Amino acid sequence: MRKYLSRILITAGLIIIGIALYQKVNTIYYQNKLMNEYDEYISTLKNQGTNEIEELIDDVLVETDDDILEANLLVPETEEAKEIDNSEENNIAEPEGVENSKPDLVKLFENKEISGIIEIPKINVSAAILEGTDDSALKYAVGHYPGTVQPGEDGNSVLLGHRNYVYGHFFRKLDKLEAGDRVVIKKDENIYTYVIYESFVVKPEDTWVLDKTSDSIITMITCTPIGTYTDRLVVRGELLEEKENQS
């Protein structure tokens, strides 16, 4: 009987460990997929921008020396000719696709918009930022709280993250951040660097931490203590600099 119970307990333990390992591996896979998809999106954005510039240069160079000479031979131009030219210029149709030539800035993952990448060197964090703060977003990424400004904009950009072991534990060591530590956010073709200036603990009902601000800041929020949902750890940083993303 004891052997039978021991086998059951061992089997149950192995199943639990197997499920935990599967969740961990699955989470890492999707986390990497998120990062790779966003990197590909940024590369596409940059390549298309380069192609547009090259096309503009080609359009300018289409006019040859013979064309310029022919244009000069038409001078002086009569008033009637000027009126005809102006009329034709006003009726020239815009080439198709010009208005929407820039790629869509919305990159989706599992019906969630990938709005950027967050890097926190002090605690070895590199994660995608998804729009929304439900479980489907926080399982594989850091979530951007709806209704707050985007990173880099004036105001309070609020980011949420989990701290548990199995998945979405990007903010697990958020309490290790101190004043002066830096947070880097890559969004589209820009890189925003924030410097930490304060951290504190609030209750879940203290929603004033979501309020708008005049300065450009980020507010990172996670549950505390680890393994509970009783309080919220809040860490804030102010925008230090903005530069172009060269990666």
Protein backbone atom coordinates (compact mmCIF):
# COMPACT_ATOMS: atom_id res chain seq x y z
CA MET A 1 0.00 0.00 0.00
CA ARG A 2 2.81 2.36 0.93
CA LYS A 3 4.64 1.58 -2.31
CA TYR A 4 1.46 2.32 -4.22
CA LEU A 5 1.00 5.67 -2.46
CA SER A 6 4.67 6.51 -3.00
CA ARG A 7 4.36 5.87 -6.71
CA ILE A 8 1.25 8.03 -6.89
CA LEU A 9 2.99 10.87 -5.05
CA ILE A 10 6.11 10.58 -7.23
CA THR A 11 4.02 10.51 -10.39
CA ALA A 12 1.99 13.52 -9.24
CA GLY A 13 5.20 15.37 -8.40
CA LEU A 14 6.69 14.64 -11.80
CA ILE A 15 3.51 15.82 -13.51
CA ILE A 16 3.57 19.08 -11.55
CA ILE A 17 7.25 19.64 -12.36
CA GLY A 18 6.60 18.79 -16.01
CA ILE A 19 3.74 21.28 -16.24
CA ALA A 20 5.87 23.99 -14.62
CA LEU A 21 8.77 23.31 -17.00
CA TYR A 22 6.44 23.34 -19.99
CA GLN A 23 4.97 26.68 -18.93
CA LYS A 24 8.46 28.09 -18.44
CA VAL A 25 9.75 26.90 -21.82
CA ASN A 26 6.56 28.01 -23.55
CA THR A 27 6.83 31.44 -21.97
CA ILE A 28 10.47 31.87 -23.01
CA TYR A 29 9.58 30.83 -26.56
CA TYR A 30 6.84 33.45 -26.88
CA GLN A 31 8.92 36.11 -25.16
CA ASN A 32 11.67 35.60 -27.74
CA LYS A 33 9.11 35.51 -30.53
CA LEU A 34 7.76 38.88 -29.42
CA MET A 35 11.23 40.42 -29.40
CA ASN A 36 12.13 38.98 -32.80
CA GLU A 37 8.88 40.12 -34.40
CA TYR A 38 9.40 43.65 -33.14
CA ASP A 39 13.01 43.70 -34.37
CA GLU A 40 11.81 42.58 -37.81
CA TYR A 41 9.18 45.31 -37.77
CA ILE A 42 11.78 47.98 -36.96
CA SER A 43 14.03 46.69 -39.77
CA THR A 44 11.12 46.86 -42.21
CA LEU A 45 10.32 50.37 -41.04
CA LYS A 46 13.90 51.51 -41.59
CA ASN A 47 14.29 49.75 -44.96
CA GLN A 48 11.09 51.24 -46.30
CA GLY A 49 12.19 54.68 -45.17
CA THR A 50 15.50 54.22 -47.02
CA ASN A 51 13.73 53.03 -50.17
CA GLU A 52 11.45 56.07 -50.13
CA ILE A 53 14.48 58.39 -50.02
CA GLU A 54 16.14 56.53 -52.90
CA GLU A 55 12.95 56.75 -54.96
CA LEU A 56 12.76 60.50 -54.36
CA ILE A 57 16.38 60.89 -55.51
CA ASP A 58 15.67 58.82 -58.64
CA ASP A 59 12.64 60.97 -59.43
CA VAL A 60 14.75 64.12 -59.22
CA LEU A 61 17.48 62.66 -61.44
CA VAL A 62 15.00 61.63 -64.15
CA GLU A 63 15.13 65.15 -65.56
CA THR A 64 18.12 65.07 -67.96
CA ASP A 65 20.24 67.89 -69.33
CA ASP A 66 18.24 67.73 -72.59
CA ASP A 67 15.04 68.28 -70.64
CA ILE A 68 16.54 71.32 -68.93
CA LEU A 69 17.78 72.71 -72.27
CA GLU A 70 14.35 72.25 -73.83
CA ALA A 71 12.74 74.05 -70.91
CA ASN A 72 15.16 76.96 -71.28
CA LEU A 73 14.29 77.30 -74.97
CA LEU A 74 10.67 78.00 -74.04
CA VAL A 75 11.63 81.23 -72.25
CA PRO A 76 10.27 83.88 -72.44
CA GLU A 77 6.88 82.27 -71.81
CA THR A 78 3.61 83.87 -72.82
CA GLU A 79 0.95 84.59 -70.21
CA GLU A 80 -1.36 82.13 -71.98
CA ALA A 81 1.25 79.40 -71.72
CA LYS A 82 1.72 80.14 -68.01
CA GLU A 83 -2.01 79.79 -67.41
CA ILE A 84 -2.06 76.43 -69.23
CA ASP A 85 0.94 75.17 -67.24
CA ASN A 86 -0.59 76.24 -63.93
CA SER A 87 -3.86 74.58 -64.84
CA GLU A 88 -2.11 71.31 -65.69
CA GLU A 89 -0.08 71.40 -62.46
CA ASN A 90 -3.19 71.83 -60.38
CA ASN A 91 -4.83 68.83 -62.05
CA ILE A 92 -1.92 66.42 -61.67
CA ALA A 93 -3.06 63.35 -59.76
CA GLU A 94 -1.10 62.27 -56.70
CA PRO A 95 0.70 58.96 -57.33
CA GLU A 96 -1.06 56.01 -55.76
CA GLY A 97 0.24 54.91 -52.38
CA VAL A 98 2.01 58.17 -51.50
CA GLU A 99 -0.18 59.06 -48.54
CA ASN A 100 0.10 55.62 -46.97
CA SER A 101 3.64 54.78 -48.06
CA LYS A 102 4.91 54.48 -44.48
CA PRO A 103 4.31 51.04 -42.97
CA ASP A 104 1.61 50.65 -40.37
CA LEU A 105 3.03 51.42 -36.93
CA VAL A 106 0.78 48.82 -35.34
CA LYS A 107 2.54 45.48 -34.95
CA LEU A 108 0.23 42.81 -33.55
CA PHE A 109 0.98 39.71 -31.52
CA GLU A 110 -1.91 37.47 -30.49
CA ASN A 111 -4.27 40.43 -31.17
CA LYS A 112 -2.16 42.68 -28.95
CA GLU A 113 -0.24 45.68 -30.24
CA ILE A 114 3.51 45.52 -29.65
CA SER A 115 4.32 49.09 -28.73
CA GLY A 116 8.03 48.79 -27.94
CA ILE A 117 10.87 47.14 -26.04
CA ILE A 118 11.87 47.87 -22.43
CA GLU A 119 15.40 47.28 -21.16
CA ILE A 120 16.49 47.62 -17.52
CA PRO A 121 20.24 46.87 -17.34
CA LYS A 122 20.42 46.92 -13.52
CA ILE A 123 18.13 43.87 -13.22
CA ASN A 124 18.88 42.25 -16.62
CA VAL A 125 15.45 42.86 -18.09
CA SER A 126 14.74 42.94 -21.82
CA ALA A 127 11.09 42.51 -22.73
CA ALA A 128 8.46 43.52 -25.24
CA ILE A 129 5.75 46.01 -24.28
CA LEU A 130 2.20 45.01 -25.21
CA GLU A 131 -0.84 47.25 -25.18
CA GLY A 132 -3.12 46.21 -22.33
CA THR A 133 -2.63 44.82 -18.84
CA ASP A 134 -4.70 41.64 -18.81
CA ASP A 135 -3.19 38.18 -18.28
CA SER A 136 -2.74 37.56 -22.01
CA ALA A 137 -0.44 40.60 -22.19
CA LEU A 138 1.44 40.21 -18.90
CA LYS A 139 2.10 36.51 -19.44
CA TYR A 140 4.71 37.19 -22.11
CA ALA A 141 5.50 40.89 -21.79
CA VAL A 142 5.26 44.12 -19.86
CA GLY A 143 1.87 45.79 -20.30
CA HIS A 144 1.16 49.41 -21.18
CA TYR A 145 -1.82 50.72 -19.22
CA PRO A 146 -4.58 51.90 -21.62
CA GLY A 147 -5.39 55.58 -21.47
CA THR A 148 -1.91 56.68 -20.40
CA VAL A 149 0.56 58.31 -22.78
CA GLN A 150 3.06 56.32 -24.81
CA PRO A 151 6.72 56.29 -23.70
CA GLY A 152 8.50 59.40 -24.93
CA GLU A 153 5.40 61.58 -24.82
CA ASP A 154 4.73 64.30 -22.26
CA GLY A 155 2.83 62.87 -19.33
CA ASN A 156 2.68 59.68 -17.27
CA SER A 157 3.31 56.44 -19.18
CA VAL A 158 2.25 53.53 -16.95
CA LEU A 159 3.74 50.04 -17.34
CA LEU A 160 2.70 46.91 -15.43
CA GLY A 161 4.49 43.60 -14.97
CA HIS A 162 4.34 40.33 -13.01
CA ARG A 163 6.85 39.03 -10.45
CA ASN A 164 6.09 35.30 -10.25
CA TYR A 165 8.48 32.45 -11.10
CA VAL A 166 6.68 30.64 -13.91
CA TYR A 167 5.98 33.40 -16.44
CA GLY A 168 5.97 37.14 -16.96
CA HIS A 169 8.42 37.80 -14.12
CA PHE A 170 10.08 40.84 -15.73
CA PHE A 171 9.40 43.07 -12.73
CA ARG A 172 10.47 40.49 -10.15
CA LYS A 173 13.52 42.53 -9.11
CA LEU A 174 11.92 45.93 -9.60
CA ASP A 175 12.53 46.65 -5.91
CA LYS A 176 16.29 46.54 -6.59
CA LEU A 177 16.15 49.74 -8.65
CA GLU A 178 17.53 52.86 -7.00
CA ALA A 179 17.62 56.55 -7.80
CA GLY A 180 19.92 57.10 -10.75
CA ASP A 181 19.37 53.70 -12.39
CA ARG A 182 18.29 53.82 -16.01
CA VAL A 183 15.46 52.33 -18.02
CA VAL A 184 15.66 52.27 -21.83
CA ILE A 185 12.58 52.04 -24.01
CA LYS A 186 12.83 51.43 -27.76
CA LYS A 187 9.75 52.53 -29.65
CA ASP A 188 9.58 52.58 -33.45
CA GLU A 189 12.67 54.50 -34.58
CA ASN A 190 13.41 56.19 -31.25
CA ILE A 191 15.18 55.28 -28.01
CA TYR A 192 14.03 56.88 -24.76
CA THR A 193 16.21 56.78 -21.65
CA TYR A 194 14.61 57.32 -18.24
CA VAL A 195 16.40 57.80 -14.93
CA ILE A 196 14.81 56.42 -11.74
CA TYR A 197 14.02 59.05 -9.12
CA GLU A 198 11.61 57.44 -6.63
CA SER A 199 9.93 54.21 -5.49
CA PHE A 200 7.15 53.58 -2.97
CA VAL A 201 4.38 51.16 -2.01
CA VAL A 202 0.65 51.85 -2.35
CA LYS A 203 -2.62 49.97 -2.00
CA PRO A 204 -4.42 48.64 -5.12
CA GLU A 205 -7.10 51.31 -4.73
CA ASP A 206 -4.54 54.15 -4.88
CA THR A 207 -5.21 54.91 -8.53
CA TRP A 208 -3.74 58.40 -8.28
CA VAL A 209 -0.45 56.86 -9.46
CA LEU A 210 -2.09 56.70 -12.91
CA ASP A 211 -2.81 60.44 -12.96
CA LYS A 212 -1.46 62.64 -15.75
CA THR A 213 1.71 64.65 -15.20
CA SER A 214 3.22 67.65 -16.95
CA ASP A 215 6.65 66.03 -17.23
CA SER A 216 7.51 62.97 -19.31
CA ILE A 217 7.79 60.06 -16.85
CA ILE A 218 7.26 56.31 -16.67
CA THR A 219 5.48 54.63 -13.77
CA MET A 220 6.27 50.92 -13.38
CA ILE A 221 3.90 48.95 -11.16
CA THR A 222 3.97 45.39 -9.80
CA CYS A 223 2.51 43.41 -6.91
CA THR A 224 4.33 43.30 -3.57
CA PRO A 225 5.35 41.36 -1.53
CA ILE A 226 6.23 38.65 -4.05
CA GLY A 227 3.54 35.99 -4.18
CA THR A 228 0.80 38.26 -2.85
CA TYR A 229 -1.58 40.87 -4.23
CA THR A 230 -2.01 43.03 -1.13
CA ASP A 231 0.10 46.02 -2.18
CA ARG A 232 1.65 47.62 -5.24
CA LEU A 233 5.28 48.57 -5.70
CA VAL A 234 5.64 51.74 -7.77
CA VAL A 235 8.92 52.82 -9.37
CA ARG A 236 9.14 56.05 -11.34
CA GLY A 237 11.64 57.48 -13.79
CA GLU A 238 11.87 60.75 -15.70
CA LEU A 239 12.85 61.13 -19.34
CA LEU A 240 16.54 61.89 -19.64
CA GLU A 241 17.14 61.79 -23.38
CA GLU A 242 15.76 60.73 -26.74
CA LYS A 243 17.75 59.53 -29.72
CA GLU A 244 17.28 57.65 -32.97
CA ASN A 245 17.24 53.86 -32.85
CA GLN A 246 20.23 52.70 -34.92
CA SER A 247 19.73 48.97 -34.31
